[in-house]
Amino acid sequence: HHFTHHNTHKIMVTGLAKGKDAGHKVTKIAKTARPSSRKGRLGKRVKLCREIAREVVGLSPYERRILDMIKTGGASAEKRIYKFAKRRLGSHKRAIAKREDIKEVNNQQRAKQA
């Protein structure tokens, strides 16, 4: 037999041959982060470009509607905004991200007025 040892979820190795955390006691070596793990992370340059684009171009119509919903508020505004954004964007994660994004825009507009 040859076993492939995966360095996975073992936290406390018992040193016994059987059981949940079976195996020889070894000192774990921390793995260095791979470049692939930072894929999709926001860089300085991209962030700046997007900020400038947002300033110049402004909001799209559906984003304006979300902004309007935020301003009018109401009891179930959060949920309504989420549902609206989800219909437009197609996923839970994107919808929540968009909602937070437009909230931030709203806060910035408020700060400018004050």
PDB file of N, CA and C in Angstrom:
ATOM      1  N   HIS A   1       0.833  -1.193   0.000  1.00  0.00           N
ATOM      2  CA  HIS A   1       0.000   0.000   0.000  1.00  0.00           C
ATOM      3  C   HIS A   1       0.871   1.248   0.000  1.00  0.00           C
ATOM      4  N   HIS A   2       0.438   2.247  -0.762  1.00  0.00           N
ATOM      5  CA  HIS A   2       1.062   3.551  -0.562  1.00  0.00           C
ATOM      6  C   HIS A   2      -0.033   4.576  -0.369  1.00  0.00           C
ATOM      7  N   PHE A   3       0.103   5.316   0.727  1.00  0.00           N
ATOM      8  CA  PHE A   3      -0.910   6.298   1.072  1.00  0.00           C
ATOM      9  C   PHE A   3      -0.407   7.672   0.702  1.00  0.00           C
ATOM     10  N   THR A   4      -1.324   8.497   0.211  1.00  0.00           N
ATOM     11  CA  THR A   4      -0.953   9.891  -0.021  1.00  0.00           C
ATOM     12  C   THR A   4      -1.412  10.677   1.184  1.00  0.00           C
ATOM     13  N   HIS A   5      -0.478  11.339   1.826  1.00  0.00           N
ATOM     14  CA  HIS A   5      -0.820  12.100   3.017  1.00  0.00           C
ATOM     15  C   HIS A   5      -1.166  13.522   2.622  1.00  0.00           C
ATOM     16  N   HIS A   6      -2.396  13.915   2.905  1.00  0.00           N
ATOM     17  CA  HIS A   6      -2.816  15.285   2.611  1.00  0.00           C
ATOM     18  C   HIS A   6      -2.694  16.096   3.879  1.00  0.00           C
ATOM     19  N   ASN A   7      -2.112  17.264   3.769  1.00  0.00           N
ATOM     20  CA  ASN A   7      -1.952  18.141   4.926  1.00  0.00           C
ATOM     21  C   ASN A   7      -3.234  18.944   5.112  1.00  0.00           C
ATOM     22  N   THR A   8      -4.315  18.248   5.488  1.00  0.00           N
ATOM     23  CA  THR A   8      -5.609  18.925   5.579  1.00  0.00           C
ATOM     24  C   THR A   8      -5.968  19.271   7.016  1.00  0.00           C
ATOM     25  N   HIS A   9      -7.192  18.992   7.410  1.00  0.00           N
ATOM     26  CA  HIS A   9      -7.794  19.524   8.622  1.00  0.00           C
ATOM     27  C   HIS A   9      -7.254  18.988   9.942  1.00  0.00           C
ATOM     28  N   LYS A  10      -6.111  18.344   9.954  1.00  0.00           N
ATOM     29  CA  LYS A  10      -5.609  17.798  11.218  1.00  0.00           C
ATOM     30  C   LYS A  10      -5.173  18.923  12.150  1.00  0.00           C
ATOM     31  N   ILE A  11      -5.743  18.919  13.327  1.00  0.00           N
ATOM     32  CA  ILE A  11      -5.410  19.950  14.297  1.00  0.00           C
ATOM     33  C   ILE A  11      -4.565  19.323  15.409  1.00  0.00           C
ATOM     34  N   MET A  12      -5.135  18.347  16.121  1.00  0.00           N
ATOM     35  CA  MET A  12      -4.389  17.663  17.173  1.00  0.00           C
ATOM     36  C   MET A  12      -4.218  16.207  16.771  1.00  0.00           C
ATOM     37  N   VAL A  13      -3.021  15.851  16.378  1.00  0.00           N
ATOM     38  CA  VAL A  13      -2.764  14.467  15.990  1.00  0.00           C
ATOM     39  C   VAL A  13      -2.495  13.664  17.257  1.00  0.00           C
ATOM     40  N   THR A  14      -3.162  12.508  17.363  1.00  0.00           N
ATOM     41  CA  THR A  14      -3.094  11.731  18.596  1.00  0.00           C
ATOM     42  C   THR A  14      -1.829  10.884  18.682  1.00  0.00           C
ATOM     43  N   GLY A  15      -1.268  10.536  17.544  1.00  0.00           N
ATOM     44  CA  GLY A  15      -0.107   9.657  17.558  1.00  0.00           C
ATOM     45  C   GLY A  15      -0.514   8.197  17.556  1.00  0.00           C
ATOM     46  N   LEU A  16      -1.819   7.945  17.488  1.00  0.00           N
ATOM     47  CA  LEU A  16      -2.317   6.571  17.406  1.00  0.00           C
ATOM     48  C   LEU A  16      -2.595   6.197  15.960  1.00  0.00           C
ATOM     49  N   ALA A  17      -2.613   4.900  15.701  1.00  0.00           N
ATOM     50  CA  ALA A  17      -2.790   4.435  14.332  1.00  0.00           C
ATOM     51  C   ALA A  17      -4.225   4.580  13.844  1.00  0.00           C
ATOM     52  N   LYS A  18      -5.169   4.536  14.772  1.00  0.00           N
ATOM     53  CA  LYS A  18      -6.574   4.631  14.385  1.00  0.00           C
ATOM     54  C   LYS A  18      -7.248   5.830  15.055  1.00  0.00           C
ATOM     55  N   GLY A  19      -8.387   6.193  14.496  1.00  0.00           N
ATOM     56  CA  GLY A  19      -9.168   7.272  15.104  1.00  0.00           C
ATOM     57  C   GLY A  19      -9.250   8.483  14.208  1.00  0.00           C
ATOM     58  N   LYS A  20      -9.950   9.489  14.717  1.00  0.00           N
ATOM     59  CA  LYS A  20     -10.255  10.668  13.915  1.00  0.00           C
ATOM     60  C   LYS A  20      -8.987  11.381  13.448  1.00  0.00           C
ATOM     61  N   ASP A  21      -8.059  11.641  14.380  1.00  0.00           N
ATOM     62  CA  ASP A  21      -6.824  12.326  14.002  1.00  0.00           C
ATOM     63  C   ASP A  21      -5.646  11.379  14.128  1.00  0.00           C
ATOM     64  N   ALA A  22      -5.710  10.307  13.358  1.00  0.00           N
ATOM     65  CA  ALA A  22      -4.688   9.278  13.435  1.00  0.00           C
ATOM     66  C   ALA A  22      -3.404   9.746  12.781  1.00  0.00           C
ATOM     67  N   GLY A  23      -2.310   9.123  13.175  1.00  0.00           N
ATOM     68  CA  GLY A  23      -1.066   9.385  12.470  1.00  0.00           C
ATOM     69  C   GLY A  23       0.057   9.821  13.367  1.00  0.00           C
ATOM     70  N   HIS A  24       1.217   9.877  12.773  1.00  0.00           N
ATOM     71  CA  HIS A  24       2.450  10.217  13.479  1.00  0.00           C
ATOM     72  C   HIS A  24       2.430  11.695  13.854  1.00  0.00           C
ATOM     73  N   LYS A  25       2.922  11.993  15.045  1.00  0.00           N
ATOM     74  CA  LYS A  25       2.971  13.390  15.478  1.00  0.00           C
ATOM     75  C   LYS A  25       4.114  14.095  14.759  1.00  0.00           C
ATOM     76  N   VAL A  26       3.777  15.155  14.062  1.00  0.00           N
ATOM     77  CA  VAL A  26       4.793  15.930  13.350  1.00  0.00           C
ATOM     78  C   VAL A  26       4.562  17.415  13.599  1.00  0.00           C
ATOM     79  N   THR A  27       5.617  18.189  13.436  1.00  0.00           N
ATOM     80  CA  THR A  27       5.441  19.635  13.548  1.00  0.00           C
ATOM     81  C   THR A  27       5.019  20.161  12.187  1.00  0.00           C
ATOM     82  N   LYS A  28       3.953  20.914  12.197  1.00  0.00           N
ATOM     83  CA  LYS A  28       3.413  21.437  10.941  1.00  0.00           C
ATOM     84  C   LYS A  28       4.249  22.613  10.454  1.00  0.00           C
ATOM     85  N   ILE A  29       4.474  22.638   9.162  1.00  0.00           N
ATOM     86  CA  ILE A  29       5.160  23.768   8.557  1.00  0.00           C
ATOM     87  C   ILE A  29       4.109  24.645   7.892  1.00  0.00           C
ATOM     88  N   ALA A  30       4.131  25.913   8.221  1.00  0.00           N
ATOM     89  CA  ALA A  30       3.162  26.840   7.641  1.00  0.00           C
ATOM     90  C   ALA A  30       3.455  27.005   6.156  1.00  0.00           C
ATOM     91  N   LYS A  31       2.422  26.852   5.348  1.00  0.00           N
ATOM     92  CA  LYS A  31       2.604  26.983   3.901  1.00  0.00           C
ATOM     93  C   LYS A  31       2.650  28.453   3.501  1.00  0.00           C
ATOM     94  N   THR A  32       3.513  28.744   2.539  1.00  0.00           N
ATOM     95  CA  THR A  32       3.561  30.111   2.031  1.00  0.00           C
ATOM     96  C   THR A  32       2.388  30.312   1.080  1.00  0.00           C
ATOM     97  N   ALA A  33       1.847  31.506   1.087  1.00  0.00           N
ATOM     98  CA  ALA A  33       0.676  31.795   0.265  1.00  0.00           C
ATOM     99  C   ALA A  33       1.060  31.761  -1.212  1.00  0.00           C
ATOM    100  N   ARG A  34       0.205  31.145  -1.990  1.00  0.00           N
ATOM    101  CA  ARG A  34       0.453  31.083  -3.422  1.00  0.00           C
ATOM    102  C   ARG A  34      -0.070  32.345  -4.100  1.00  0.00           C
ATOM    103  N   PRO A  35       0.552  32.717  -5.218  1.00  0.00           N
ATOM    104  CA  PRO A  35       0.065  33.895  -5.940  1.00  0.00           C
ATOM    105  C   PRO A  35      -1.394  33.737  -6.384  1.00  0.00           C
ATOM    106  N   SER A  36      -1.791  32.506  -6.682  1.00  0.00           N
ATOM    107  CA  SER A  36      -3.155  32.267  -7.162  1.00  0.00           C
ATOM    108  C   SER A  36      -4.201  32.592  -6.104  1.00  0.00           C
ATOM    109  N   SER A  37      -3.771  32.588  -4.831  1.00  0.00           N
ATOM    110  CA  SER A  37      -4.749  32.836  -3.774  1.00  0.00           C
ATOM    111  C   SER A  37      -5.117  34.315  -3.650  1.00  0.00           C
ATOM    112  N   ARG A  38      -4.341  35.195  -4.277  1.00  0.00           N
ATOM    113  CA  ARG A  38      -4.694  36.620  -4.227  1.00  0.00           C
ATOM    114  C   ARG A  38      -5.407  37.066  -5.514  1.00  0.00           C
ATOM    115  N   LYS A  39      -5.810  36.093  -6.311  1.00  0.00           N
ATOM    116  CA  LYS A  39      -6.544  36.417  -7.535  1.00  0.00           C
ATOM    117  C   LYS A  39      -7.864  37.100  -7.188  1.00  0.00           C
ATOM    118  N   GLY A  40      -8.130  38.183  -7.867  1.00  0.00           N
ATOM    119  CA  GLY A  40      -9.391  38.889  -7.638  1.00  0.00           C
ATOM    120  C   GLY A  40      -9.317  39.921  -6.531  1.00  0.00           C
ATOM    121  N   ARG A  41      -8.189  39.990  -5.859  1.00  0.00           N
ATOM    122  CA  ARG A  41      -8.052  40.997  -4.809  1.00  0.00           C
ATOM    123  C   ARG A  41      -7.880  42.374  -5.425  1.00  0.00           C
ATOM    124  N   LEU A  42      -8.421  43.370  -4.765  1.00  0.00           N
ATOM    125  CA  LEU A  42      -8.416  44.708  -5.329  1.00  0.00           C
ATOM    126  C   LEU A  42      -7.059  45.383  -5.136  1.00  0.00           C
ATOM    127  N   GLY A  43      -6.436  45.764  -6.251  1.00  0.00           N
ATOM    128  CA  GLY A  43      -5.151  46.456  -6.214  1.00  0.00           C
ATOM    129  C   GLY A  43      -5.349  47.963  -6.164  1.00  0.00           C
ATOM    130  N   LYS A  44      -4.271  48.688  -5.848  1.00  0.00           N
ATOM    131  CA  LYS A  44      -4.343  50.145  -5.717  1.00  0.00           C
ATOM    132  C   LYS A  44      -4.788  50.805  -7.020  1.00  0.00           C
ATOM    133  N   ARG A  45      -4.135  50.366  -8.102  1.00  0.00           N
ATOM    134  CA  ARG A  45      -4.364  50.973  -9.407  1.00  0.00           C
ATOM    135  C   ARG A  45      -5.804  50.789  -9.871  1.00  0.00           C
ATOM    136  N   VAL A  46      -6.288  49.550  -9.771  1.00  0.00           N
ATOM    137  CA  VAL A  46      -7.645  49.229 -10.196  1.00  0.00           C
ATOM    138  C   VAL A  46      -8.660  50.001  -9.359  1.00  0.00           C
ATOM    139  N   LYS A  47      -8.372  50.088  -8.050  1.00  0.00           N
ATOM    140  CA  LYS A  47      -9.261  50.808  -7.142  1.00  0.00           C
ATOM    141  C   LYS A  47      -9.389  52.264  -7.574  1.00  0.00           C
ATOM    142  N   LEU A  48      -8.254  52.882  -7.850  1.00  0.00           N
ATOM    143  CA  LEU A  48      -8.230  54.276  -8.271  1.00  0.00           C
ATOM    144  C   LEU A  48      -9.002  54.461  -9.577  1.00  0.00           C
ATOM    145  N   CYS A  49      -8.736  53.581 -10.550  1.00  0.00           N
ATOM    146  CA  CYS A  49      -9.415  53.642 -11.853  1.00  0.00           C
ATOM    147  C   CYS A  49     -10.925  53.568 -11.677  1.00  0.00           C
ATOM    148  N   ARG A  50     -11.375  52.643 -10.821  1.00  0.00           N
ATOM    149  CA  ARG A  50     -12.806  52.472 -10.602  1.00  0.00           C
ATOM    150  C   ARG A  50     -13.422  53.686  -9.922  1.00  0.00           C
ATOM    151  N   GLU A  51     -12.684  54.273  -8.970  1.00  0.00           N
ATOM    152  CA  GLU A  51     -13.191  55.465  -8.287  1.00  0.00           C
ATOM    153  C   GLU A  51     -13.381  56.608  -9.271  1.00  0.00           C
ATOM    154  N   ILE A  52     -12.389  56.784 -10.149  1.00  0.00           N
ATOM    155  CA  ILE A  52     -12.457  57.851 -11.147  1.00  0.00           C
ATOM    156  C   ILE A  52     -13.622  57.588 -12.096  1.00  0.00           C
ATOM    157  N   ALA A  53     -13.751  56.349 -12.546  1.00  0.00           N
ATOM    158  CA  ALA A  53     -14.836  55.980 -13.458  1.00  0.00           C
ATOM    159  C   ALA A  53     -16.195  56.265 -12.819  1.00  0.00           C
ATOM    160  N   ARG A  54     -16.332  55.910 -11.540  1.00  0.00           N
ATOM    161  CA  ARG A  54     -17.588  56.143 -10.828  1.00  0.00           C
ATOM    162  C   ARG A  54     -17.903  57.638 -10.755  1.00  0.00           C
ATOM    163  N   GLU A  55     -16.858  58.450 -10.519  1.00  0.00           N
ATOM    164  CA  GLU A  55     -17.044  59.903 -10.450  1.00  0.00           C
ATOM    165  C   GLU A  55     -17.513  60.465 -11.780  1.00  0.00           C
ATOM    166  N   VAL A  56     -16.855  60.028 -12.850  1.00  0.00           N
ATOM    167  CA  VAL A  56     -17.126  60.581 -14.180  1.00  0.00           C
ATOM    168  C   VAL A  56     -18.471  60.105 -14.706  1.00  0.00           C
ATOM    169  N   VAL A  57     -18.699  58.791 -14.600  1.00  0.00           N
ATOM    170  CA  VAL A  57     -19.859  58.184 -15.255  1.00  0.00           C
ATOM    171  C   VAL A  57     -21.119  58.273 -14.406  1.00  0.00           C
ATOM    172  N   GLY A  58     -20.950  58.170 -13.087  1.00  0.00           N
ATOM    173  CA  GLY A  58     -22.116  58.198 -12.211  1.00  0.00           C
ATOM    174  C   GLY A  58     -22.780  56.838 -12.106  1.00  0.00           C
ATOM    175  N   LEU A  59     -24.022  56.835 -11.640  1.00  0.00           N
ATOM    176  CA  LEU A  59     -24.736  55.588 -11.413  1.00  0.00           C
ATOM    177  C   LEU A  59     -25.569  55.179 -12.619  1.00  0.00           C
ATOM    178  N   SER A  60     -25.744  53.866 -12.776  1.00  0.00           N
ATOM    179  CA  SER A  60     -26.636  53.368 -13.826  1.00  0.00           C
ATOM    180  C   SER A  60     -28.077  53.484 -13.303  1.00  0.00           C
ATOM    181  N   PRO A  61     -29.059  53.419 -14.204  1.00  0.00           N
ATOM    182  CA  PRO A  61     -30.451  53.606 -13.779  1.00  0.00           C
ATOM    183  C   PRO A  61     -30.897  52.696 -12.631  1.00  0.00           C
ATOM    184  N   TYR A  62     -30.518  51.403 -12.690  1.00  0.00           N
ATOM    185  CA  TYR A  62     -30.968  50.510 -11.621  1.00  0.00           C
ATOM    186  C   TYR A  62     -30.271  50.838 -10.303  1.00  0.00           C
ATOM    187  N   GLU A  63     -29.039  51.352 -10.392  1.00  0.00           N
ATOM    188  CA  GLU A  63     -28.324  51.777  -9.187  1.00  0.00           C
ATOM    189  C   GLU A  63     -28.995  53.014  -8.585  1.00  0.00           C
ATOM    190  N   ARG A  64     -29.475  53.897  -9.452  1.00  0.00           N
ATOM    191  CA  ARG A  64     -30.196  55.084  -8.973  1.00  0.00           C
ATOM    192  C   ARG A  64     -31.460  54.683  -8.240  1.00  0.00           C
ATOM    193  N   ARG A  65     -32.105  53.628  -8.763  1.00  0.00           N
ATOM    194  CA  ARG A  65     -33.324  53.144  -8.113  1.00  0.00           C
ATOM    195  C   ARG A  65     -33.018  52.612  -6.718  1.00  0.00           C
ATOM    196  N   ILE A  66     -31.903  51.890  -6.611  1.00  0.00           N
ATOM    197  CA  ILE A  66     -31.481  51.370  -5.306  1.00  0.00           C
ATOM    198  C   ILE A  66     -31.198  52.534  -4.353  1.00  0.00           C
ATOM    199  N   LEU A  67     -30.504  53.542  -4.864  1.00  0.00           N
ATOM    200  CA  LEU A  67     -30.174  54.724  -4.066  1.00  0.00           C
ATOM    201  C   LEU A  67     -31.454  55.390  -3.563  1.00  0.00           C
ATOM    202  N   ASP A  68     -32.424  55.469  -4.447  1.00  0.00           N
ATOM    203  CA  ASP A  68     -33.719  56.056  -4.107  1.00  0.00           C
ATOM    204  C   ASP A  68     -34.400  55.249  -2.995  1.00  0.00           C
ATOM    205  N   MET A  69     -34.331  53.906  -3.136  1.00  0.00           N
ATOM    206  CA  MET A  69     -34.905  53.016  -2.113  1.00  0.00           C
ATOM    207  C   MET A  69     -34.237  53.245  -0.768  1.00  0.00           C
ATOM    208  N   ILE A  70     -32.923  53.436  -0.786  1.00  0.00           N
ATOM    209  CA  ILE A  70     -32.180  53.674   0.457  1.00  0.00           C
ATOM    210  C   ILE A  70     -32.651  54.978   1.092  1.00  0.00           C
ATOM    211  N   LYS A  71     -32.806  56.013   0.258  1.00  0.00           N
ATOM    212  CA  LYS A  71     -33.205  57.326   0.757  1.00  0.00           C
ATOM    213  C   LYS A  71     -34.616  57.315   1.335  1.00  0.00           C
ATOM    214  N   THR A  72     -35.533  56.663   0.639  1.00  0.00           N
ATOM    215  CA  THR A  72     -36.909  56.610   1.140  1.00  0.00           C
ATOM    216  C   THR A  72     -36.991  55.699   2.366  1.00  0.00           C
ATOM    217  N   GLY A  73     -36.154  54.680   2.382  1.00  0.00           N
ATOM    218  CA  GLY A  73     -36.072  53.799   3.554  1.00  0.00           C
ATOM    219  C   GLY A  73     -37.318  52.969   3.733  1.00  0.00           C
ATOM    220  N   GLY A  74     -37.831  52.919   4.941  1.00  0.00           N
ATOM    221  CA  GLY A  74     -39.002  52.090   5.226  1.00  0.00           C
ATOM    222  C   GLY A  74     -38.592  50.861   6.025  1.00  0.00           C
ATOM    223  N   ALA A  75     -39.589  50.090   6.431  1.00  0.00           N
ATOM    224  CA  ALA A  75     -39.346  48.952   7.325  1.00  0.00           C
ATOM    225  C   ALA A  75     -38.520  47.860   6.648  1.00  0.00           C
ATOM    226  N   SER A  76     -38.968  47.394   5.488  1.00  0.00           N
ATOM    227  CA  SER A  76     -38.299  46.260   4.839  1.00  0.00           C
ATOM    228  C   SER A  76     -37.424  46.712   3.673  1.00  0.00           C
ATOM    229  N   ALA A  77     -36.835  47.902   3.810  1.00  0.00           N
ATOM    230  CA  ALA A  77     -36.038  48.469   2.715  1.00  0.00           C
ATOM    231  C   ALA A  77     -34.847  47.585   2.361  1.00  0.00           C
ATOM    232  N   GLU A  78     -34.131  47.135   3.398  1.00  0.00           N
ATOM    233  CA  GLU A  78     -32.943  46.283   3.198  1.00  0.00           C
ATOM    234  C   GLU A  78     -33.269  45.088   2.318  1.00  0.00           C
ATOM    235  N   LYS A  79     -34.337  44.392   2.712  1.00  0.00           N
ATOM    236  CA  LYS A  79     -34.732  43.178   2.003  1.00  0.00           C
ATOM    237  C   LYS A  79     -35.189  43.506   0.586  1.00  0.00           C
ATOM    238  N   ARG A  80     -35.961  44.588   0.447  1.00  0.00           N
ATOM    239  CA  ARG A  80     -36.464  44.968  -0.874  1.00  0.00           C
ATOM    240  C   ARG A  80     -35.311  45.309  -1.812  1.00  0.00           C
ATOM    241  N   ILE A  81     -34.344  46.064  -1.301  1.00  0.00           N
ATOM    242  CA  ILE A  81     -33.173  46.436  -2.090  1.00  0.00           C
ATOM    243  C   ILE A  81     -32.428  45.177  -2.508  1.00  0.00           C
ATOM    244  N   TYR A  82     -32.237  44.254  -1.537  1.00  0.00           N
ATOM    245  CA  TYR A  82     -31.545  42.998  -1.817  1.00  0.00           C
ATOM    246  C   TYR A  82     -32.233  42.224  -2.928  1.00  0.00           C
ATOM    247  N   LYS A  83     -33.558  42.106  -2.811  1.00  0.00           N
ATOM    248  CA  LYS A  83     -34.316  41.331  -3.799  1.00  0.00           C
ATOM    249  C   LYS A  83     -34.228  41.963  -5.183  1.00  0.00           C
ATOM    250  N   PHE A  84     -34.316  43.276  -5.211  1.00  0.00           N
ATOM    251  CA  PHE A  84     -34.224  44.019  -6.475  1.00  0.00           C
ATOM    252  C   PHE A  84     -32.855  43.809  -7.112  1.00  0.00           C
ATOM    253  N   ALA A  85     -31.816  43.972  -6.291  1.00  0.00           N
ATOM    254  CA  ALA A  85     -30.442  43.820  -6.785  1.00  0.00           C
ATOM    255  C   ALA A  85     -30.192  42.393  -7.253  1.00  0.00           C
ATOM    256  N   LYS A  86     -30.758  41.433  -6.529  1.00  0.00           N
ATOM    257  CA  LYS A  86     -30.559  40.025  -6.879  1.00  0.00           C
ATOM    258  C   LYS A  86     -31.184  39.715  -8.234  1.00  0.00           C
ATOM    259  N   ARG A  87     -32.356  40.281  -8.477  1.00  0.00           N
ATOM    260  CA  ARG A  87     -33.006  40.060  -9.774  1.00  0.00           C
ATOM    261  C   ARG A  87     -32.142  40.622 -10.902  1.00  0.00           C
ATOM    262  N   ARG A  88     -31.524  41.779 -10.634  1.00  0.00           N
ATOM    263  CA  ARG A  88     -30.724  42.424 -11.666  1.00  0.00           C
ATOM    264  C   ARG A  88     -29.367  41.770 -11.865  1.00  0.00           C
ATOM    265  N   LEU A  89     -28.765  41.333 -10.765  1.00  0.00           N
ATOM    266  CA  LEU A  89     -27.382  40.865 -10.820  1.00  0.00           C
ATOM    267  C   LEU A  89     -27.234  39.342 -10.848  1.00  0.00           C
ATOM    268  N   GLY A  90     -28.266  38.637 -10.388  1.00  0.00           N
ATOM    269  CA  GLY A  90     -28.258  37.181 -10.549  1.00  0.00           C
ATOM    270  C   GLY A  90     -27.660  36.355  -9.436  1.00  0.00           C
ATOM    271  N   SER A  91     -26.986  36.974  -8.456  1.00  0.00           N
ATOM    272  CA  SER A  91     -26.483  36.146  -7.363  1.00  0.00           C
ATOM    273  C   SER A  91     -26.583  36.849  -6.017  1.00  0.00           C
ATOM    274  N   HIS A  92     -26.666  36.034  -4.971  1.00  0.00           N
ATOM    275  CA  HIS A  92     -26.809  36.511  -3.589  1.00  0.00           C
ATOM    276  C   HIS A  92     -25.637  37.414  -3.213  1.00  0.00           C
ATOM    277  N   LYS A  93     -24.435  36.924  -3.480  1.00  0.00           N
ATOM    278  CA  LYS A  93     -23.211  37.625  -3.097  1.00  0.00           C
ATOM    279  C   LYS A  93     -23.116  38.982  -3.781  1.00  0.00           C
ATOM    280  N   ARG A  94     -23.375  38.991  -5.073  1.00  0.00           N
ATOM    281  CA  ARG A  94     -23.294  40.232  -5.849  1.00  0.00           C
ATOM    282  C   ARG A  94     -24.336  41.232  -5.392  1.00  0.00           C
ATOM    283  N   ALA A  95     -25.543  40.714  -5.092  1.00  0.00           N
ATOM    284  CA  ALA A  95     -26.631  41.587  -4.663  1.00  0.00           C
ATOM    285  C   ALA A  95     -26.272  42.291  -3.352  1.00  0.00           C
ATOM    286  N   ILE A  96     -25.737  41.533  -2.406  1.00  0.00           N
ATOM    287  CA  ILE A  96     -25.367  42.106  -1.114  1.00  0.00           C
ATOM    288  C   ILE A  96     -24.230  43.109  -1.291  1.00  0.00           C
ATOM    289  N   ALA A  97     -23.255  42.748  -2.120  1.00  0.00           N
ATOM    290  CA  ALA A  97     -22.127  43.640  -2.377  1.00  0.00           C
ATOM    291  C   ALA A  97     -22.603  44.952  -2.982  1.00  0.00           C
ATOM    292  N   LYS A  98     -23.532  44.861  -3.935  1.00  0.00           N
ATOM    293  CA  LYS A  98     -24.065  46.052  -4.600  1.00  0.00           C
ATOM    294  C   LYS A  98     -24.821  46.923  -3.613  1.00  0.00           C
ATOM    295  N   ARG A  99     -25.614  46.280  -2.764  1.00  0.00           N
ATOM    296  CA  ARG A  99     -26.383  47.023  -1.758  1.00  0.00           C
ATOM    297  C   ARG A  99     -25.448  47.826  -0.859  1.00  0.00           C
ATOM    298  N   GLU A 100     -24.385  47.180  -0.389  1.00  0.00           N
ATOM    299  CA  GLU A 100     -23.416  47.853   0.483  1.00  0.00           C
ATOM    300  C   GLU A 100     -22.704  48.976  -0.261  1.00  0.00           C
ATOM    301  N   ASP A 101     -22.392  48.716  -1.537  1.00  0.00           N
ATOM    302  CA  ASP A 101     -21.715  49.688  -2.385  1.00  0.00           C
ATOM    303  C   ASP A 101     -22.549  50.958  -2.538  1.00  0.00           C
ATOM    304  N   ILE A 102     -23.833  50.779  -2.835  1.00  0.00           N
ATOM    305  CA  ILE A 102     -24.709  51.930  -3.048  1.00  0.00           C
ATOM    306  C   ILE A 102     -24.966  52.654  -1.722  1.00  0.00           C
ATOM    307  N   LYS A 103     -24.996  51.904  -0.620  1.00  0.00           N
ATOM    308  CA  LYS A 103     -25.122  52.526   0.697  1.00  0.00           C
ATOM    309  C   LYS A 103     -23.944  53.452   0.940  1.00  0.00           C
ATOM    310  N   GLU A 104     -22.763  52.972   0.563  1.00  0.00           N
ATOM    311  CA  GLU A 104     -21.537  53.760   0.715  1.00  0.00           C
ATOM    312  C   GLU A 104     -21.623  55.039  -0.115  1.00  0.00           C
ATOM    313  N   VAL A 105     -22.127  54.909  -1.345  1.00  0.00           N
ATOM    314  CA  VAL A 105     -22.323  56.071  -2.227  1.00  0.00           C
ATOM    315  C   VAL A 105     -23.250  57.068  -1.553  1.00  0.00           C
ATOM    316  N   ASN A 106     -24.323  56.566  -0.966  1.00  0.00           N
ATOM    317  CA  ASN A 106     -25.289  57.394  -0.256  1.00  0.00           C
ATOM    318  C   ASN A 106     -24.628  58.147   0.890  1.00  0.00           C
ATOM    319  N   ASN A 107     -23.800  57.425   1.660  1.00  0.00           N
ATOM    320  CA  ASN A 107     -23.094  58.037   2.784  1.00  0.00           C
ATOM    321  C   ASN A 107     -22.152  59.153   2.312  1.00  0.00           C
ATOM    322  N   GLN A 108     -21.481  58.899   1.195  1.00  0.00           N
ATOM    323  CA  GLN A 108     -20.563  59.894   0.641  1.00  0.00           C
ATOM    324  C   GLN A 108     -21.304  61.154   0.189  1.00  0.00           C
ATOM    325  N   GLN A 109     -22.464  60.937  -0.445  1.00  0.00           N
ATOM    326  CA  GLN A 109     -23.284  62.079  -0.882  1.00  0.00           C
ATOM    327  C   GLN A 109     -23.735  62.910   0.322  1.00  0.00           C
ATOM    328  N   ARG A 110     -24.131  62.201   1.376  1.00  0.00           N
ATOM    329  CA  ARG A 110     -24.553  62.867   2.614  1.00  0.00           C
ATOM    330  C   ARG A 110     -23.408  63.686   3.198  1.00  0.00           C
ATOM    331  N   ALA A 111     -22.233  63.068   3.204  1.00  0.00           N
ATOM    332  CA  ALA A 111     -21.050  63.730   3.776  1.00  0.00           C
ATOM    333  C   ALA A 111     -20.706  64.998   2.986  1.00  0.00           C
ATOM    334  N   LYS A 112     -20.884  64.929   1.651  1.00  0.00           N
ATOM    335  CA  LYS A 112     -20.614  66.081   0.806  1.00  0.00           C
ATOM    336  C   LYS A 112     -21.563  67.231   1.123  1.00  0.00           C
ATOM    337  N   GLN A 113     -22.843  66.888   1.318  1.00  0.00           N
ATOM    338  CA  GLN A 113     -23.858  67.922   1.608  1.00  0.00           C
ATOM    339  C   GLN A 113     -23.623  68.585   2.965  1.00  0.00           C
ATOM    340  N   ALA A 114     -23.216  67.762   3.926  1.00  0.00           N
ATOM    341  CA  ALA A 114     -23.023  68.280   5.300  1.00  0.00           C
ATOM    342  C   ALA A 114     -21.826  69.222   5.415  1.00  0.00           C
TER     343      ALA A 114
END
